[in-house]
Amino acid sequence: MKRLIAIAILLVLVSGDAMAARVKDLVEIQGVRENRLVGYGLVVGLNGTGDKGGSQFTIRSLYNMLRNMGIAVDPNALKVKNVAAVMLTANLPPFAKSTQKIDCTISSVGDASSLAGGTLVLAPLYGPDGKVYAMAQGPVSVGGFAVEGSSGSGVTKNFPTVGRIPNGAVVERSLDISLGEQMTLVMNNPDFTTVHRMVGSINSRVGSNVARAKDLSTVSVNVPESYRDRIVDFVALIEGVDVRPDSKAKVIVNERTGTVVMGSDVKISSVAIAHGNLNIRISEEPQVSQPLPKSKGETAVVPRTGVSVSEGGRQLVKLPAGATIGGLVSALNAIGVSPRDLVVILQSIKQTGALYADLEVI
């Protein structure tokens, strides 16, 4: 019988300048962000995989589209098996200008079985303010398929009811953003130590006290007068500044997979760990009871129960104060823990107060 092996994934970070990260990777400039767009439209040209006759909103949408084109039809006579109602979603990049092209995602909202081979009819994309920011149209690219036989059985790969139109939406309304004479940097992972280091690094690079920390998540940066007409150059200068980020010691445990991820700052005080395996095996071996010759007894099957108990002879392992991650893993491997046992041991160490880190179980 093979012994289970504990698996621990260690996120070991080296110290010093090798830990330095760019400001660009640690913050977002307030106001410089993508904007979400959403819309509704029709995909036509499907090979019988569109919405069924019960999708009334598809019939109404098709009727309204034809009526706007000057074509009078009876909505009760419309068949929509080659048409599908879809929702459109797209991300409008910051500083987007008119005539720019962006990708558009198409998702079925009816009971269509596939959007493969369909074409999106011109549809508007709205922003949160209700204004039209882009217009989408074009052939839908689907990374999957759905094949169904007359008996009802079929094969489906990926999600054929969701597609994409690369560069399928054209920006109609420019999105102007003014950075002004002051910028606000918003931390992706708020931390007082990281903010303090970032302010010092920015001021050192610029040569003056242009950066000031408001709290653990925001840094205010004043644009020097020499950069007022060269704001792009100043932003590029700030984004390239190296900062050594800091974070709280944390251990992430996944109980389902037995995976443990630990940072290099995790410290453990003096602790002793003992782990033993108690295995109890119960087996049933039926036997035949044969009576003596010329006796009045009858042949019968009688049960025979066997019980065996074995206990693993693991030794007590003690970790000294200030033990590192390597010492912890070596100790756990020495006592032969399983992935599930590893989770229990870490929780027990945390309860004793010997683990100086946040233990997060997911």
Protein backbone atom coordinates (compact mmCIF):
# COMPACT_ATOMS: atom_id res chain seq x y z
CA MET A 1 0.00 0.00 0.00
CA LYS A 2 1.44 3.30 -1.10
CA ARG A 3 1.82 5.99 1.49
CA LEU A 4 0.25 9.35 0.79
CA ILE A 5 2.72 12.16 0.40
CA ALA A 6 1.98 15.66 1.70
CA ILE A 7 2.22 18.31 -0.94
CA ALA A 8 3.08 21.90 -0.07
CA ILE A 9 3.57 24.65 -2.62
CA LEU A 10 5.90 27.26 -1.21
CA LEU A 11 5.84 30.84 -2.41
CA VAL A 12 9.36 31.77 -1.39
CA LEU A 13 10.26 35.36 -2.07
CA VAL A 14 13.86 36.48 -2.09
CA SER A 15 14.81 39.55 -0.17
CA GLY A 16 16.52 42.70 -1.25
CA ASP A 17 16.28 44.44 -4.59
CA ALA A 18 15.09 41.25 -6.30
CA MET A 19 11.73 41.83 -4.58
CA ALA A 20 11.32 45.27 -6.09
CA ALA A 21 8.23 45.86 -8.21
CA ARG A 22 7.26 48.76 -10.40
CA VAL A 23 4.72 51.30 -9.21
CA LYS A 24 2.84 50.43 -12.40
CA ASP A 25 2.25 46.91 -11.08
CA LEU A 26 1.20 47.99 -7.59
CA VAL A 27 -1.32 50.78 -8.19
CA GLU A 28 -4.07 52.07 -10.44
CA ILE A 29 -4.39 55.76 -11.34
CA GLN A 30 -7.74 56.95 -10.09
CA GLY A 31 -10.01 57.75 -13.03
CA VAL A 32 -7.90 55.86 -15.56
CA ARG A 33 -9.92 52.68 -15.92
CA GLU A 34 -12.00 50.64 -18.33
CA ASN A 35 -15.71 51.31 -18.63
CA ARG A 36 -18.26 48.53 -19.02
CA LEU A 37 -20.66 48.60 -21.96
CA VAL A 38 -23.74 46.47 -22.49
CA GLY A 39 -26.30 46.08 -25.27
CA TYR A 40 -28.95 43.88 -26.82
CA GLY A 41 -29.11 42.58 -30.37
CA LEU A 42 -29.99 39.81 -32.78
CA VAL A 43 -27.75 37.20 -34.38
CA VAL A 44 -29.07 36.00 -37.74
CA GLY A 45 -28.02 33.37 -40.25
CA LEU A 46 -28.02 30.42 -37.86
CA ASN A 47 -28.51 26.95 -39.31
CA GLY A 48 -31.63 26.06 -37.34
CA THR A 49 -29.87 26.50 -33.98
CA GLY A 50 -31.54 29.77 -33.01
CA ASP A 51 -34.30 30.51 -30.51
CA LYS A 52 -37.40 28.38 -30.65
CA GLY A 53 -40.91 29.67 -31.29
CA GLY A 54 -41.57 30.16 -27.57
CA SER A 55 -39.02 33.01 -27.29
CA GLN A 56 -41.45 35.89 -27.60
CA PHE A 57 -38.85 38.59 -27.01
CA THR A 58 -36.90 37.30 -30.03
CA ILE A 59 -40.02 37.46 -32.21
CA ARG A 60 -40.82 40.99 -31.00
CA SER A 61 -37.25 42.14 -31.57
CA LEU A 62 -37.22 40.74 -35.10
CA TYR A 63 -40.63 42.30 -35.81
CA ASN A 64 -39.49 45.73 -34.57
CA MET A 65 -36.26 45.55 -36.61
CA LEU A 66 -38.15 44.68 -39.81
CA ARG A 67 -40.75 47.38 -39.14
CA ASN A 68 -38.02 50.00 -38.72
CA MET A 69 -36.71 48.94 -42.13
CA GLY A 70 -40.12 49.52 -43.66
CA ILE A 71 -41.05 45.85 -43.94
CA ALA A 72 -44.56 45.01 -42.73
CA VAL A 73 -44.91 41.46 -41.42
CA ASP A 74 -47.28 39.52 -39.21
CA PRO A 75 -45.45 38.73 -35.94
CA ASN A 76 -47.47 35.54 -35.59
CA ALA A 77 -46.04 34.27 -38.88
CA LEU A 78 -42.38 34.79 -37.93
CA LYS A 79 -40.15 31.75 -37.42
CA VAL A 80 -37.00 32.41 -35.43
CA LYS A 81 -35.08 29.14 -35.62
CA ASN A 82 -32.35 30.96 -37.58
CA VAL A 83 -32.34 34.00 -35.25
CA ALA A 84 -31.09 34.32 -31.65
CA ALA A 85 -31.49 37.14 -29.15
CA VAL A 86 -28.17 38.01 -27.52
CA MET A 87 -26.63 40.30 -24.93
CA LEU A 88 -23.54 42.27 -25.91
CA THR A 89 -20.74 43.18 -23.51
CA ALA A 90 -17.54 45.12 -24.11
CA ASN A 91 -14.88 47.08 -22.23
CA LEU A 92 -14.24 50.66 -23.27
CA PRO A 93 -10.55 51.43 -22.62
CA PRO A 94 -9.53 54.70 -20.91
CA PHE A 95 -9.01 57.69 -23.20
CA ALA A 96 -10.94 55.86 -25.95
CA LYS A 97 -11.43 57.96 -29.07
CA SER A 98 -14.01 57.87 -31.82
CA THR A 99 -13.33 55.35 -34.64
CA GLN A 100 -11.37 53.06 -32.29
CA LYS A 101 -12.32 49.38 -32.49
CA ILE A 102 -12.86 47.13 -29.49
CA ASP A 103 -13.74 43.47 -28.99
CA CYS A 104 -17.31 42.47 -28.24
CA THR A 105 -18.64 39.37 -26.46
CA ILE A 106 -21.95 37.84 -27.55
CA SER A 107 -24.06 35.70 -25.17
CA SER A 108 -27.38 34.03 -25.95
CA VAL A 109 -30.34 35.00 -23.74
CA GLY A 110 -32.87 32.66 -25.32
CA ASP A 111 -32.93 28.92 -25.91
CA ALA A 112 -30.61 28.88 -28.92
CA SER A 113 -28.39 25.80 -29.04
CA SER A 114 -25.49 27.44 -30.93
CA LEU A 115 -24.38 30.80 -32.31
CA ALA A 116 -21.89 29.26 -34.75
CA GLY A 117 -22.06 30.72 -38.23
CA GLY A 118 -24.26 33.65 -37.16
CA THR A 119 -23.86 37.37 -37.83
CA LEU A 120 -24.70 40.10 -35.36
CA VAL A 121 -26.97 42.81 -36.76
CA LEU A 122 -25.92 46.39 -35.97
CA ALA A 123 -26.57 46.97 -32.26
CA PRO A 124 -25.72 49.83 -29.86
CA LEU A 125 -23.59 49.45 -26.73
CA TYR A 126 -24.62 51.59 -23.76
CA GLY A 127 -22.66 52.91 -20.80
CA PRO A 128 -23.94 53.22 -17.21
CA ASP A 129 -25.22 56.71 -18.05
CA GLY A 130 -27.52 55.35 -20.76
CA LYS A 131 -25.57 56.91 -23.63
CA VAL A 132 -24.42 55.00 -26.71
CA TYR A 133 -20.62 54.67 -26.75
CA ALA A 134 -20.11 52.06 -29.48
CA MET A 135 -21.89 50.20 -32.27
CA ALA A 136 -21.30 46.47 -32.79
CA GLN A 137 -21.79 44.29 -35.85
CA GLY A 138 -20.10 41.37 -37.57
CA PRO A 139 -19.71 37.58 -37.79
CA VAL A 140 -19.66 35.73 -34.48
CA SER A 141 -16.65 33.55 -33.71
CA VAL A 142 -17.57 30.59 -31.48
CA GLY A 143 -14.91 28.34 -29.94
CA GLY A 144 -17.12 25.28 -29.74
CA PHE A 145 -19.87 23.31 -31.42
CA ALA A 146 -23.08 21.44 -30.70
CA VAL A 147 -24.22 18.49 -32.82
CA GLU A 148 -27.55 16.79 -32.17
CA GLY A 149 -29.18 13.81 -33.87
CA SER A 150 -32.84 13.17 -34.59
CA SER A 151 -33.08 10.89 -31.56
CA GLY A 152 -32.10 13.74 -29.23
CA SER A 153 -28.56 12.58 -28.48
CA GLY A 154 -25.65 14.80 -29.40
CA VAL A 155 -22.17 16.09 -28.66
CA THR A 156 -21.28 19.55 -27.31
CA LYS A 157 -17.82 21.06 -27.00
CA ASN A 158 -17.13 24.16 -24.90
CA PHE A 159 -19.92 26.76 -24.91
CA PRO A 160 -21.40 27.33 -28.38
CA THR A 161 -23.93 29.83 -27.01
CA VAL A 162 -21.18 32.38 -26.25
CA GLY A 163 -19.10 33.97 -28.99
CA ARG A 164 -16.84 36.89 -29.71
CA ILE A 165 -16.42 39.47 -32.46
CA PRO A 166 -12.79 40.68 -32.54
CA ASN A 167 -12.73 44.42 -33.25
CA GLY A 168 -16.47 44.10 -33.79
CA ALA A 169 -17.48 47.32 -32.05
CA VAL A 170 -16.60 50.83 -33.24
CA VAL A 171 -16.34 53.59 -30.63
CA GLU A 172 -18.77 56.39 -31.42
CA ARG A 173 -18.25 58.66 -28.41
CA SER A 174 -14.82 59.78 -27.17
CA LEU A 175 -14.07 59.29 -23.51
CA ASP A 176 -11.99 62.22 -22.35
CA ILE A 177 -10.24 62.01 -18.98
CA SER A 178 -8.26 64.89 -17.50
CA LEU A 179 -5.53 64.00 -15.02
CA GLY A 180 -5.05 67.59 -13.93
CA GLU A 181 -2.27 68.89 -11.72
CA GLN A 182 -2.70 66.15 -9.13
CA MET A 183 -2.99 62.38 -9.48
CA THR A 184 -4.22 59.83 -6.99
CA LEU A 185 -2.61 56.39 -6.96
CA VAL A 186 -4.84 53.63 -5.57
CA MET A 187 -3.07 50.57 -4.13
CA ASN A 188 -4.06 47.14 -5.43
CA ASN A 189 -3.10 45.62 -2.05
CA PRO A 190 -3.36 48.31 0.65
CA ASP A 191 -0.49 48.24 3.12
CA PHE A 192 1.02 50.98 5.30
CA THR A 193 4.61 49.80 4.85
CA THR A 194 4.32 49.56 1.07
CA VAL A 195 2.74 53.01 0.83
CA HIS A 196 5.51 54.49 2.99
CA ARG A 197 8.19 52.95 0.76
CA MET A 198 6.41 54.05 -2.41
CA VAL A 199 6.23 57.68 -1.30
CA GLY A 200 9.95 57.67 -0.49
CA SER A 201 10.88 56.06 -3.82
CA ILE A 202 8.77 58.48 -5.88
CA ASN A 203 10.11 61.55 -4.11
CA SER A 204 13.65 60.27 -4.49
CA ARG A 205 13.21 59.70 -8.25
CA VAL A 206 11.53 63.06 -8.93
CA GLY A 207 13.87 64.98 -6.63
CA SER A 208 11.17 66.78 -4.63
CA ASN A 209 8.34 65.98 -2.23
CA VAL A 210 5.61 65.53 -4.83
CA ALA A 211 4.10 62.37 -3.31
CA ARG A 212 2.18 62.15 -0.05
CA ALA A 213 0.36 59.19 1.48
CA LYS A 214 -3.24 59.91 2.46
CA ASP A 215 -3.86 56.49 3.99
CA LEU A 216 -2.80 52.88 3.48
CA SER A 217 -4.48 52.66 0.05
CA THR A 218 -3.99 56.04 -1.66
CA VAL A 219 -1.03 58.19 -2.60
CA SER A 220 -1.48 61.77 -3.81
CA VAL A 221 1.07 62.96 -6.39
CA ASN A 222 1.42 66.61 -7.43
CA VAL A 223 2.57 67.10 -11.02
CA PRO A 224 5.65 69.39 -11.05
CA GLU A 225 5.31 72.58 -13.07
CA SER A 226 8.00 71.39 -15.49
CA TYR A 227 5.79 68.40 -16.39
CA ARG A 228 2.43 70.24 -16.68
CA ASP A 229 2.58 70.16 -20.48
CA ARG A 230 4.20 66.70 -20.52
CA ILE A 231 1.83 64.70 -18.36
CA VAL A 232 2.50 61.46 -20.26
CA ASP A 233 6.23 61.71 -19.56
CA PHE A 234 5.56 62.27 -15.87
CA VAL A 235 3.20 59.30 -15.61
CA ALA A 236 5.76 57.10 -17.37
CA LEU A 237 8.42 58.31 -14.90
CA ILE A 238 6.23 57.48 -11.89
CA GLU A 239 5.19 54.07 -13.22
CA GLY A 240 8.81 53.02 -13.68
CA VAL A 241 9.82 53.66 -10.05
CA ASP A 242 10.86 50.48 -8.20
CA VAL A 243 9.28 49.77 -4.83
CA ARG A 244 9.84 46.84 -2.49
CA PRO A 245 6.31 45.81 -1.47
CA ASP A 246 5.44 44.39 1.91
CA SER A 247 2.55 42.20 3.04
CA LYS A 248 1.26 40.36 6.09
CA ALA A 249 2.48 36.84 6.71
CA LYS A 250 -0.22 34.48 5.50
CA VAL A 251 -0.78 30.77 4.98
CA ILE A 252 -3.41 29.68 2.47
CA VAL A 253 -4.81 26.18 2.88
CA ASN A 254 -7.07 24.39 0.40
CA GLU A 255 -8.78 21.58 2.27
CA ARG A 256 -10.18 19.99 -0.90
CA THR A 257 -6.80 19.45 -2.55
CA GLY A 258 -4.48 19.53 0.47
CA THR A 259 -2.51 22.39 -1.09
CA VAL A 260 -0.70 24.85 1.18
CA VAL A 261 0.82 28.15 0.02
CA MET A 262 3.03 30.07 2.45
CA GLY A 263 4.91 33.33 2.10
CA SER A 264 8.53 33.76 3.12
CA ASP A 265 7.59 35.95 6.11
CA VAL A 266 5.84 33.12 7.95
CA LYS A 267 7.54 32.45 11.30
CA ILE A 268 6.98 29.68 13.81
CA SER A 269 7.91 29.65 17.48
CA SER A 270 9.13 26.62 19.39
CA VAL A 271 6.61 23.82 18.90
CA ALA A 272 6.57 20.01 19.06
CA ILE A 273 4.57 17.95 16.57
CA ALA A 274 3.69 14.29 16.99
CA HIS A 275 1.77 12.35 14.36
CA GLY A 276 0.92 8.67 14.47
CA ASN A 277 -1.23 6.41 12.35
CA LEU A 278 -3.62 3.99 14.02
CA ASN A 279 -4.89 1.42 11.52
CA ILE A 280 -7.66 -1.01 12.50
CA ARG A 281 -8.57 -3.78 10.05
CA ILE A 282 -11.63 -6.01 10.45
CA SER A 283 -12.07 -8.95 8.06
CA GLU A 284 -14.79 -11.58 7.72
CA GLU A 285 -13.74 -15.11 6.62
CA PRO A 286 -16.72 -17.53 6.54
CA GLN A 287 -15.91 -21.16 7.38
CA VAL A 288 -17.85 -24.39 6.90
CA SER A 289 -18.72 -26.37 10.05
CA GLN A 290 -18.92 -30.09 9.22
CA PRO A 291 -20.62 -32.37 11.82
CA LEU A 292 -19.10 -35.75 12.89
CA PRO A 293 -20.04 -38.86 10.96
CA LYS A 294 -23.35 -40.50 11.98
CA SER A 295 -24.23 -37.49 14.12
CA LYS A 296 -27.49 -35.65 13.84
CA GLY A 297 -25.77 -32.34 13.14
CA GLU A 298 -26.07 -30.38 9.91
CA THR A 299 -23.43 -28.74 7.79
CA ALA A 300 -23.46 -24.95 8.37
CA VAL A 301 -21.51 -21.88 7.39
CA VAL A 302 -20.25 -19.97 10.42
CA PRO A 303 -18.63 -16.50 10.35
CA ARG A 304 -15.08 -15.91 11.50
CA THR A 305 -14.02 -12.36 12.30
CA GLY A 306 -10.41 -11.27 12.29
CA VAL A 307 -9.26 -8.00 13.92
CA SER A 308 -5.76 -6.53 13.55
CA VAL A 309 -4.46 -3.26 14.98
CA SER A 310 -1.26 -1.49 13.95
CA GLU A 311 0.08 1.89 15.00
CA GLY A 312 2.74 3.87 13.11
CA GLY A 313 5.89 4.45 15.08
CA ARG A 314 6.49 8.11 14.30
CA GLN A 315 8.89 10.11 16.41
CA LEU A 316 8.19 13.40 18.09
CA VAL A 317 9.49 16.30 15.98
CA LYS A 318 10.36 19.63 17.61
CA LEU A 319 10.81 22.90 15.76
CA PRO A 320 13.05 25.54 17.37
CA ALA A 321 11.94 29.13 17.82
CA GLY A 322 12.12 31.19 14.64
CA ALA A 323 11.85 28.14 12.40
CA THR A 324 11.58 28.87 8.70
CA ILE A 325 9.27 27.44 6.08
CA GLY A 326 11.90 24.92 5.09
CA GLY A 327 12.10 23.68 8.67
CA LEU A 328 8.33 23.34 8.88
CA VAL A 329 8.07 21.38 5.64
CA SER A 330 10.99 19.14 6.55
CA ALA A 331 9.41 18.37 9.90
CA LEU A 332 6.01 17.57 8.39
CA ASN A 333 7.60 15.33 5.78
CA ALA A 334 9.62 13.60 8.50
CA ILE A 335 6.45 12.49 10.28
CA GLY A 336 4.84 11.39 7.01
CA VAL A 337 1.69 13.51 6.99
CA SER A 338 -0.99 13.14 4.36
CA PRO A 339 -2.48 16.19 2.59
CA ARG A 340 -5.52 16.19 4.88
CA ASP A 341 -3.37 15.75 7.98
CA LEU A 342 -1.26 18.70 6.86
CA VAL A 343 -4.29 20.97 7.05
CA VAL A 344 -5.17 19.76 10.55
CA ILE A 345 -1.60 20.21 11.80
CA LEU A 346 -1.37 23.78 10.52
CA GLN A 347 -4.68 24.63 12.16
CA SER A 348 -3.48 23.13 15.42
CA ILE A 349 -0.22 25.11 15.30
CA LYS A 350 -2.23 28.29 14.73
CA GLN A 351 -4.48 27.52 17.70
CA THR A 352 -1.49 27.10 19.99
CA GLY A 353 -0.25 30.57 19.00
CA ALA A 354 2.98 29.24 17.56
CA LEU A 355 2.19 30.29 13.96
CA TYR A 356 2.81 34.00 13.42
CA ALA A 357 0.71 34.38 10.30
CA ASP A 358 -2.88 34.59 9.16
CA LEU A 359 -4.27 31.12 8.37
CA GLU A 360 -6.87 31.26 5.61
CA VAL A 361 -8.76 28.10 4.70
CA ILE A 362 -10.46 28.05 1.31
